[in-house]
Amino acid sequence: MSDTSKSEEFYKKLKAQLLDTTEWPSEYLFKFIVNTETSKLLKIETFFDNSGAVIKKSESKTGKYTSVSINVVMKDPDAVIAKYILVSDNVEGVISL
């Protein structure tokens, strides 16, 4: 199975879960882990500009990685998935949780 089909299957399951468990629009908590590089952190933040997002960052004990938690109101599961794809396609090495 290719990475693309694995991703498609993951997002399909995520959409089904979000539809089953949440009334939309709703607050959603995005969590990402990325190398602690200012450019990568700023890029992630930029994707949530002007959305009313509350962004919290926490560096790992060694400072090599940063956890980014973003709490924001999303209109539907498709918007959530679109944000995950936007971040993963544009920030090298990001881990989405």
Protein backbone atom coordinates (compact mmCIF):
# COMPACT_ATOMS: atom_id res chain seq x y z
CA MET A 1 0.00 0.00 0.00
CA SER A 2 1.46 3.37 -0.99
CA ASP A 3 1.89 6.31 1.40
CA THR A 4 -0.80 8.19 -0.52
CA SER A 5 -3.40 5.46 -0.11
CA LYS A 6 -2.45 5.08 3.59
CA SER A 7 -2.99 8.84 4.03
CA GLU A 8 -6.29 8.73 2.17
CA GLU A 9 -7.47 5.86 4.35
CA PHE A 10 -6.35 7.67 7.53
CA TYR A 11 -8.20 10.87 6.58
CA LYS A 12 -11.29 8.90 5.57
CA LYS A 13 -11.39 7.26 9.03
CA LEU A 14 -10.70 10.58 10.75
CA LYS A 15 -13.57 12.25 8.89
CA ALA A 16 -15.96 9.46 9.88
CA GLN A 17 -14.89 9.73 13.54
CA LEU A 18 -15.25 13.50 13.57
CA LEU A 19 -18.71 13.30 12.01
CA ASP A 20 -19.79 10.68 14.58
CA THR A 21 -18.42 12.41 17.68
CA THR A 22 -18.72 16.15 17.11
CA GLU A 23 -21.34 18.75 16.24
CA TRP A 24 -20.02 21.25 13.71
CA PRO A 25 -18.81 23.96 13.76
CA SER A 26 -16.72 23.04 16.78
CA GLU A 27 -13.48 23.77 18.60
CA TYR A 28 -10.71 21.45 17.49
CA LEU A 29 -7.27 20.87 19.01
CA PHE A 30 -4.48 20.35 16.49
CA LYS A 31 -1.19 18.99 17.81
CA PHE A 32 2.06 18.97 15.90
CA ILE A 33 5.65 18.10 16.77
CA VAL A 34 8.42 19.66 14.72
CA ASN A 35 12.16 20.34 14.90
CA THR A 36 12.71 23.55 16.83
CA GLU A 37 13.43 25.80 13.86
CA THR A 38 11.94 29.27 13.87
CA SER A 39 11.01 29.07 10.18
CA LYS A 40 9.03 25.85 10.67
CA LEU A 41 7.25 27.15 13.75
CA LEU A 42 6.34 30.42 12.02
CA LYS A 43 5.07 28.55 8.96
CA ILE A 44 2.70 26.46 11.10
CA GLU A 45 1.46 29.59 12.88
CA THR A 46 0.91 31.33 9.54
CA PHE A 47 -1.52 28.61 8.45
CA PHE A 48 -3.76 29.58 11.38
CA ASP A 49 -3.46 33.39 11.07
CA ASN A 50 -6.68 35.38 11.38
CA SER A 51 -8.64 32.32 12.53
CA GLY A 52 -8.89 33.17 16.22
CA ALA A 53 -6.59 30.25 17.04
CA VAL A 54 -4.97 29.92 20.45
CA ILE A 55 -1.44 28.60 19.88
CA LYS A 56 0.75 27.12 22.62
CA LYS A 57 4.31 25.93 22.09
CA SER A 58 6.40 23.75 24.37
CA GLU A 59 10.02 22.78 23.73
CA SER A 60 11.29 19.31 24.56
CA LYS A 61 13.72 18.93 27.44
CA THR A 62 16.69 19.04 25.04
CA GLY A 63 15.19 21.85 22.96
CA LYS A 64 15.48 19.83 19.76
CA TYR A 65 11.73 19.53 19.21
CA THR A 66 8.73 21.75 19.85
CA SER A 67 5.16 20.66 20.46
CA VAL A 68 2.62 23.04 18.94
CA SER A 69 -0.98 22.90 20.21
CA ILE A 70 -3.53 24.93 18.29
CA ASN A 71 -7.10 25.32 19.54
CA VAL A 72 -9.40 26.80 16.91
CA VAL A 73 -13.03 26.68 15.80
CA MET A 74 -13.40 24.68 12.59
CA LYS A 75 -16.50 24.59 10.39
CA ASP A 76 -16.46 20.86 9.56
CA PRO A 77 -14.27 17.72 9.33
CA ASP A 78 -13.20 18.62 5.78
CA ALA A 79 -11.72 21.89 7.08
CA VAL A 80 -9.84 19.98 9.79
CA ILE A 81 -8.40 17.54 7.26
CA ALA A 82 -7.49 20.38 4.88
CA LYS A 83 -5.42 22.03 7.66
CA TYR A 84 -3.62 18.76 8.44
CA ILE A 85 -2.79 18.31 4.76
CA LEU A 86 -1.68 21.95 4.40
CA VAL A 87 0.72 21.65 7.32
CA SER A 88 2.10 18.21 6.39
CA ASP A 89 2.63 19.22 2.74
CA ASN A 90 4.45 22.45 3.63
CA VAL A 91 6.44 21.79 6.81
CA GLU A 92 9.18 19.22 6.37
CA GLY A 93 9.43 16.61 9.13
CA VAL A 94 6.27 17.65 10.98
CA ILE A 95 4.45 14.98 12.97
CA SER A 96 0.69 15.41 13.29
CA LEU A 97 -0.95 13.94 16.37
